[in-house]
Amino acid sequence: MTETETRFPATPSTLTFDRTVARSHAHRRALGEVFVSDSVADGDSTFYTAVQVPRAHSLWYDRTTVYHDPFAMAEAARQGSFVILHQHVGVPVGLPFSMQRYEFDVTDREAFRDDERTPLQGVLRYEIVSRVDRSADFSDLTLAGDLTVDGRVAMELSADVVFLARADYEALRAYQLGRVAAGGPDYTAAPLPPAAVGRRDSRNVVIGAPVAVGSAWDYPLLPDRRHPAMFDHDYDHVPGPFIIEGFRQAAIDTAVREGMLGTPNAMVMSCSSRFSQFAEFGAPIECRSTPLDPTRPGTARVELELRQFDKVLTVGALELAELTGHEDPFLHRTEHQA
């Protein structure tokens, strides 16, 4: 597939970018954190959503490259999957669920280039490729799709979602929360400098200094529930997007420490993650980062594990592309210009 070739037919002309969808359908509390503007069904298993990420977003604009962050569109696509399930598949708002797997691959890096005049927006097409129903609740659902930006396929995505009856979820969470002592420790480790992980604002750094463990590095994760984007609303567990941001920052720092990248100014080209258990607040969380051999020239590949209570809760892998100086004009701005 070439960079300009689209896999799907032309998207429905009825999609608009005029307003956001209901925030409850995107699982957000703040209106400014809703990135989905519209959705439409094409039959029973194919769906389109219109998505847009604000230019001045506190987290997604905080970068040191001229490229929009693919993680921003991954978050928009995550919200889009919820909108589809609630608006078109009949999943009730509030039904407990767990994202078991989430993956994306950037297929066209230039589609993410920031022209510094317009927000990043596109159209996401999802297909339900597998669905298993049990009782009155949806049990297992697999989604796969493409994101197009200006008519170009920019990203491919897929996800597995499991839904649970509320009573089952509450029983599971009660058991899991029993592992955490009341009044657990605060996360007092100092965050790494923002530049070490491709950020400019220290508030967006979620890992502390690592400890070498053989060929790997262990990073403490630092969840700050005051963060307006990563913790838009209350959670009874450490949310997946925060974990994946920790994976990204650990991968960048590891790749630079290991000499796999010459700079932390890098773009995520692929991300895969699998979640087996919930991570809890009130107990230390670590990310183990292990360098791997790259699969594509000019990239760095890192394997990640989220660890808590001496167990591996989440595993993932990221592939990073180093961006050279001429691709990073933000680095040469003065503070006034920025």
Protein backbone atom coordinates (compact mmCIF):
# COMPACT_ATOMS: atom_id res chain seq x y z
CA MET A 1 0.00 0.00 0.00
CA THR A 2 1.45 3.36 -1.01
CA GLU A 3 1.39 6.41 1.26
CA THR A 4 -1.44 8.05 -0.66
CA GLU A 5 -3.49 4.90 -1.30
CA THR A 6 -6.63 4.52 0.79
CA ARG A 7 -7.87 1.11 1.84
CA PHE A 8 -11.51 2.08 2.26
CA PRO A 9 -14.03 3.79 -0.03
CA ALA A 10 -14.61 7.52 0.17
CA THR A 11 -15.82 8.53 3.62
CA PRO A 12 -19.42 9.67 4.12
CA SER A 13 -19.93 13.31 3.22
CA THR A 14 -22.34 13.71 6.15
CA LEU A 15 -19.54 13.75 8.76
CA THR A 16 -18.92 17.16 10.26
CA PHE A 17 -16.36 18.81 12.54
CA ASP A 18 -18.78 21.45 13.89
CA ARG A 19 -19.15 20.27 17.50
CA THR A 20 -18.12 17.47 19.82
CA VAL A 21 -20.17 14.40 20.59
CA ALA A 22 -21.61 13.94 24.08
CA ARG A 23 -18.69 13.77 26.49
CA SER A 24 -20.14 10.68 28.21
CA HIS A 25 -19.92 8.80 24.90
CA ALA A 26 -16.21 9.62 24.62
CA HIS A 27 -15.61 8.74 28.30
CA ARG A 28 -14.39 12.27 29.06
CA ARG A 29 -15.54 14.83 31.64
CA ALA A 30 -14.07 18.05 30.23
CA LEU A 31 -15.45 19.28 26.91
CA GLY A 32 -11.94 20.28 25.84
CA GLU A 33 -10.81 16.67 26.18
CA VAL A 34 -13.40 15.34 23.70
CA PHE A 35 -11.73 14.80 20.30
CA VAL A 36 -14.65 13.19 18.43
CA SER A 37 -17.02 15.48 16.55
CA ASP A 38 -19.30 13.11 14.67
CA SER A 39 -19.97 9.49 13.75
CA VAL A 40 -22.01 7.51 11.25
CA ALA A 41 -22.72 3.83 10.66
CA ASP A 42 -22.35 2.11 7.29
CA GLY A 43 -24.29 -1.10 7.86
CA ASP A 44 -23.97 -3.21 11.01
CA SER A 45 -20.19 -3.53 11.26
CA THR A 46 -18.57 -0.51 9.59
CA PHE A 47 -18.41 2.92 11.21
CA TYR A 48 -16.83 6.30 10.59
CA THR A 49 -15.91 8.97 13.13
CA ALA A 50 -14.62 12.50 12.59
CA VAL A 51 -11.82 13.38 15.02
CA GLN A 52 -9.86 16.55 15.75
CA VAL A 53 -7.12 17.33 18.30
CA PRO A 54 -6.79 20.95 19.55
CA ARG A 55 -3.60 22.70 18.49
CA ALA A 56 -2.93 24.14 21.95
CA HIS A 57 -3.67 21.02 23.98
CA SER A 58 -1.63 20.96 27.21
CA LEU A 59 -0.36 17.42 26.63
CA TRP A 60 -0.39 16.80 22.88
CA TYR A 61 1.13 20.13 21.84
CA ASP A 62 3.91 19.65 24.39
CA ARG A 63 6.46 18.18 21.98
CA THR A 64 9.85 19.04 20.55
CA THR A 65 9.23 18.15 16.91
CA VAL A 66 7.36 19.63 13.96
CA TYR A 67 5.20 16.51 13.74
CA HIS A 68 1.92 16.08 15.54
CA ASP A 69 2.08 13.33 18.11
CA PRO A 70 0.59 10.04 16.81
CA PHE A 71 -0.41 9.31 20.41
CA ALA A 72 -2.82 12.24 20.14
CA MET A 73 -4.65 10.53 17.29
CA ALA A 74 -4.44 7.21 19.09
CA GLU A 75 -6.33 8.85 21.97
CA ALA A 76 -8.85 10.32 19.52
CA ALA A 77 -9.29 6.84 18.03
CA ARG A 78 -9.72 5.32 21.48
CA GLN A 79 -12.51 7.81 22.16
CA GLY A 80 -13.93 7.07 18.72
CA SER A 81 -14.24 3.39 19.56
CA PHE A 82 -16.34 4.25 22.63
CA VAL A 83 -18.56 6.58 20.60
CA ILE A 84 -19.21 3.83 18.07
CA LEU A 85 -20.04 1.28 20.74
CA HIS A 86 -22.45 3.59 22.55
CA GLN A 87 -24.11 5.34 19.60
CA HIS A 88 -24.27 2.52 17.06
CA VAL A 89 -23.70 -0.87 18.70
CA GLY A 90 -26.01 -0.42 21.67
CA VAL A 91 -23.50 -0.70 24.52
CA PRO A 92 -24.99 1.30 27.42
CA VAL A 93 -22.95 4.12 28.92
CA GLY A 94 -21.55 2.96 32.25
CA LEU A 95 -21.21 -0.73 31.40
CA PRO A 96 -17.80 -1.80 32.80
CA PHE A 97 -15.21 -2.74 30.20
CA SER A 98 -11.52 -3.49 29.87
CA MET A 99 -9.31 -2.70 26.88
CA GLN A 100 -7.32 -5.93 26.54
CA ARG A 101 -5.21 -4.98 23.51
CA TYR A 102 -4.47 -1.76 21.65
CA GLU A 103 -2.15 -1.41 18.67
CA PHE A 104 -1.34 1.13 15.99
CA ASP A 105 1.12 1.59 13.14
CA VAL A 106 1.94 4.90 11.48
CA THR A 107 1.74 4.33 7.73
CA ASP A 108 2.43 7.89 6.56
CA ARG A 109 4.64 10.05 8.77
CA GLU A 110 4.19 13.15 6.63
CA ALA A 111 0.44 13.11 7.26
CA PHE A 112 1.31 14.16 10.84
CA ARG A 113 3.44 17.16 9.88
CA ASP A 114 2.27 20.30 11.67
CA ASP A 115 1.63 23.25 9.34
CA GLU A 116 1.29 25.47 12.45
CA ARG A 117 -2.00 26.86 11.15
CA THR A 118 -4.61 24.11 11.44
CA PRO A 119 -5.49 21.44 14.01
CA LEU A 120 -4.82 17.80 13.31
CA GLN A 121 -8.03 16.20 12.17
CA GLY A 122 -9.07 13.16 10.21
CA VAL A 123 -11.63 10.45 9.67
CA LEU A 124 -11.40 7.11 11.39
CA ARG A 125 -13.05 4.04 9.95
CA TYR A 126 -13.57 1.09 12.27
CA GLU A 127 -14.87 -2.34 11.45
CA ILE A 128 -16.09 -4.91 13.95
CA VAL A 129 -14.08 -7.94 12.87
CA SER A 130 -15.10 -10.20 15.76
CA ARG A 131 -17.95 -10.15 18.25
CA VAL A 132 -18.96 -12.69 20.90
CA ASP A 133 -22.04 -12.05 23.04
CA ARG A 134 -22.73 -13.68 26.38
CA SER A 135 -25.95 -13.25 28.35
CA ALA A 136 -27.36 -9.72 28.15
CA ASP A 137 -23.94 -8.09 28.07
CA PHE A 138 -21.45 -7.81 25.23
CA SER A 139 -18.49 -9.99 26.09
CA ASP A 140 -15.70 -9.72 23.53
CA LEU A 141 -15.28 -7.30 20.64
CA THR A 142 -12.41 -6.75 18.21
CA LEU A 143 -12.16 -3.52 16.20
CA ALA A 144 -9.79 -2.74 13.35
CA GLY A 145 -9.52 0.38 11.26
CA ASP A 146 -7.61 3.09 9.47
CA LEU A 147 -7.23 6.80 10.11
CA THR A 148 -7.15 9.08 7.08
CA VAL A 149 -5.75 12.63 7.23
CA ASP A 150 -6.34 14.78 4.14
CA GLY A 151 -7.34 11.63 2.28
CA ARG A 152 -4.10 9.80 3.14
CA VAL A 153 -3.99 6.67 5.27
CA ALA A 154 -1.92 7.89 8.20
CA MET A 155 -2.41 5.13 10.76
CA GLU A 156 -3.78 1.61 11.14
CA LEU A 157 -5.31 0.57 14.46
CA SER A 158 -6.85 -2.43 16.18
CA ALA A 159 -8.19 -3.19 19.65
CA ASP A 160 -9.80 -5.92 21.75
CA VAL A 161 -12.42 -4.87 24.31
CA VAL A 162 -14.04 -7.04 26.97
CA PHE A 163 -17.31 -6.02 28.67
CA LEU A 164 -18.35 -7.23 32.11
CA ALA A 165 -21.61 -7.28 34.03
CA ARG A 166 -21.47 -4.60 36.72
CA ALA A 167 -21.75 -7.14 39.56
CA ASP A 168 -18.85 -9.16 38.14
CA TYR A 169 -16.72 -6.05 37.71
CA GLU A 170 -17.39 -4.84 41.24
CA ALA A 171 -16.49 -8.24 42.69
CA LEU A 172 -13.28 -8.33 40.67
CA ARG A 173 -12.27 -4.83 41.72
CA ALA A 174 -13.03 -5.51 45.39
CA TYR A 175 -10.71 -8.51 45.28
CA GLN A 176 -7.95 -6.63 43.47
CA LEU A 177 -8.16 -3.55 45.68
CA GLY A 178 -7.65 -5.78 48.71
CA ARG A 179 -3.98 -5.98 47.71
CA VAL A 180 -3.45 -2.27 48.37
CA ALA A 181 -2.87 -1.17 51.95
CA ALA A 182 -5.00 1.75 53.07
CA GLY A 183 -3.13 5.03 52.81
CA GLY A 184 -0.48 3.69 50.45
CA PRO A 185 2.73 5.56 49.64
CA ASP A 186 2.82 8.81 47.73
CA TYR A 187 4.74 8.91 44.46
CA THR A 188 7.64 11.04 45.60
CA ALA A 189 10.33 10.17 43.05
CA ALA A 190 11.54 13.17 41.06
CA PRO A 191 10.50 13.17 37.39
CA LEU A 192 13.12 13.13 34.66
CA PRO A 193 13.88 16.45 32.93
CA PRO A 194 11.28 17.10 30.21
CA ALA A 195 13.88 17.23 27.43
CA ALA A 196 14.97 13.67 28.25
CA VAL A 197 11.60 12.33 27.09
CA GLY A 198 10.80 14.74 24.27
CA ARG A 199 8.65 17.06 26.37
CA ARG A 200 8.92 20.77 27.24
CA ASP A 201 6.66 20.90 30.31
CA SER A 202 7.68 19.02 33.48
CA ARG A 203 4.01 18.48 34.34
CA ASN A 204 3.79 16.04 31.44
CA VAL A 205 6.68 13.83 32.58
CA VAL A 206 5.40 10.58 34.11
CA ILE A 207 8.60 8.64 34.87
CA GLY A 208 11.50 9.03 37.27
CA ALA A 209 15.18 8.16 36.92
CA PRO A 210 15.75 4.47 36.06
CA VAL A 211 17.79 1.73 37.68
CA ALA A 212 19.76 -0.67 35.48
CA VAL A 213 18.65 -4.31 35.76
CA GLY A 214 20.87 -6.43 33.53
CA SER A 215 20.19 -5.36 29.96
CA ALA A 216 16.99 -3.52 30.98
CA TRP A 217 16.05 -0.35 32.85
CA ASP A 218 13.40 -0.04 35.56
CA TYR A 219 11.55 3.30 35.71
CA PRO A 220 9.18 4.38 38.50
CA LEU A 221 5.84 5.64 37.15
CA LEU A 222 4.53 8.83 38.70
CA PRO A 223 0.74 9.13 38.36
CA ASP A 224 -0.41 12.62 39.30
CA ARG A 225 -4.19 12.56 39.49
CA ARG A 226 -4.27 16.36 39.26
CA HIS A 227 -3.17 16.21 35.60
CA PRO A 228 -6.09 17.62 33.56
CA ALA A 229 -5.64 15.40 30.50
CA MET A 230 -4.27 12.08 31.79
CA PHE A 231 -6.73 12.10 34.68
CA ASP A 232 -9.70 13.88 33.15
CA HIS A 233 -12.02 12.10 35.59
CA ASP A 234 -11.81 9.78 38.58
CA TYR A 235 -10.58 6.23 38.03
CA ASP A 236 -10.60 3.24 40.35
CA HIS A 237 -7.37 2.04 38.71
CA VAL A 238 -4.40 3.49 36.84
CA PRO A 239 -5.79 4.21 33.33
CA GLY A 240 -4.38 2.68 30.18
CA PRO A 241 -3.48 5.96 28.40
CA PHE A 242 -1.29 6.96 31.34
CA ILE A 243 0.46 3.57 31.22
CA ILE A 244 1.11 3.88 27.49
CA GLU A 245 2.51 7.39 27.93
CA GLY A 246 4.84 5.93 30.57
CA PHE A 247 5.85 3.25 28.07
CA ARG A 248 6.62 5.89 25.44
CA GLN A 249 8.74 8.02 27.78
CA ALA A 250 10.63 4.99 29.10
CA ALA A 251 11.26 3.77 25.55
CA ILE A 252 12.66 7.14 24.47
CA ASP A 253 14.96 7.45 27.47
CA THR A 254 16.14 3.86 27.12
CA ALA A 255 16.84 4.26 23.40
CA VAL A 256 18.96 7.36 24.07
CA ARG A 257 20.83 5.74 26.99
CA GLU A 258 21.58 2.68 24.88
CA GLY A 259 22.77 4.72 21.89
CA MET A 260 19.90 3.51 19.72
CA LEU A 261 18.76 7.12 19.22
CA GLY A 262 20.99 10.17 19.13
CA THR A 263 18.22 12.44 20.45
CA PRO A 264 14.99 12.11 22.46
CA ASN A 265 13.25 14.03 19.65
CA ALA A 266 11.62 10.96 18.18
CA MET A 267 8.29 9.93 16.72
CA VAL A 268 6.42 6.76 17.66
CA MET A 269 5.95 4.71 14.50
CA SER A 270 4.25 1.71 16.07
CA CYS A 271 2.85 0.76 19.45
CA SER A 272 1.43 -2.50 20.73
CA SER A 273 0.08 -3.14 24.21
CA ARG A 274 -1.70 -5.96 26.02
CA PHE A 275 -3.36 -5.50 29.40
CA SER A 276 -3.87 -8.51 31.66
CA GLN A 277 -4.59 -6.91 35.06
CA PHE A 278 -5.43 -3.48 36.45
CA ALA A 279 -2.67 -1.38 38.03
CA GLU A 280 -3.63 0.14 41.36
CA PHE A 281 -3.08 3.51 42.95
CA GLY A 282 -1.42 3.55 46.36
CA ALA A 283 1.38 1.11 45.56
CA PRO A 284 4.62 1.48 43.57
CA ILE A 285 4.46 0.88 39.81
CA GLU A 286 7.49 0.25 37.63
CA CYS A 287 8.08 0.10 33.92
CA ARG A 288 10.80 -2.28 32.75
CA SER A 289 12.26 -1.20 29.42
CA THR A 290 14.39 -3.58 27.34
CA PRO A 291 16.06 -2.64 24.03
CA LEU A 292 15.32 -4.88 21.04
CA ASP A 293 16.76 -5.20 17.57
CA PRO A 294 14.98 -2.82 15.15
CA THR A 295 12.71 -4.16 12.42
CA ARG A 296 13.10 -1.10 10.16
CA PRO A 297 16.23 0.90 9.31
CA GLY A 298 16.73 4.10 11.25
CA THR A 299 14.43 3.12 14.10
CA ALA A 300 14.76 1.97 17.69
CA ARG A 301 12.57 -0.77 19.15
CA VAL A 302 11.94 -1.27 22.86
CA GLU A 303 9.99 -3.87 24.84
CA LEU A 304 8.03 -2.65 27.88
CA GLU A 305 6.52 -4.29 30.94
CA LEU A 306 4.37 -2.70 33.63
CA ARG A 307 5.10 -4.29 37.02
CA GLN A 308 3.34 -4.07 40.35
CA PHE A 309 3.16 -6.49 43.30
CA ASP A 310 5.94 -8.53 41.62
CA LYS A 311 3.62 -9.24 38.70
CA VAL A 312 3.64 -8.18 35.05
CA LEU A 313 0.34 -6.40 34.41
CA THR A 314 0.84 -4.97 30.92
CA VAL A 315 3.29 -5.70 28.12
CA GLY A 316 4.06 -3.64 25.05
CA ALA A 317 6.55 -2.70 22.37
CA LEU A 318 7.27 0.65 20.72
CA GLU A 319 9.18 1.52 17.57
CA LEU A 320 10.67 5.02 17.44
CA ALA A 321 11.99 7.03 14.50
CA GLU A 322 14.65 9.64 15.26
CA LEU A 323 13.97 13.10 13.86
CA THR A 324 16.98 15.09 12.71
CA GLY A 325 17.60 18.74 13.52
CA HIS A 326 16.16 20.20 10.32
CA GLU A 327 12.85 18.49 11.12
CA ASP A 328 12.66 20.11 14.55
CA PRO A 329 12.10 23.87 14.12
CA PHE A 330 10.41 24.07 17.54
CA LEU A 331 13.84 23.50 19.09
CA HIS A 332 15.19 26.71 17.62
CA ARG A 333 12.42 29.02 18.80
CA THR A 334 12.90 31.53 21.56
CA GLU A 335 10.67 31.32 24.61
CA HIS A 336 8.74 34.34 23.30
CA GLN A 337 8.12 32.66 19.94
CA ALA A 338 7.05 29.40 21.58
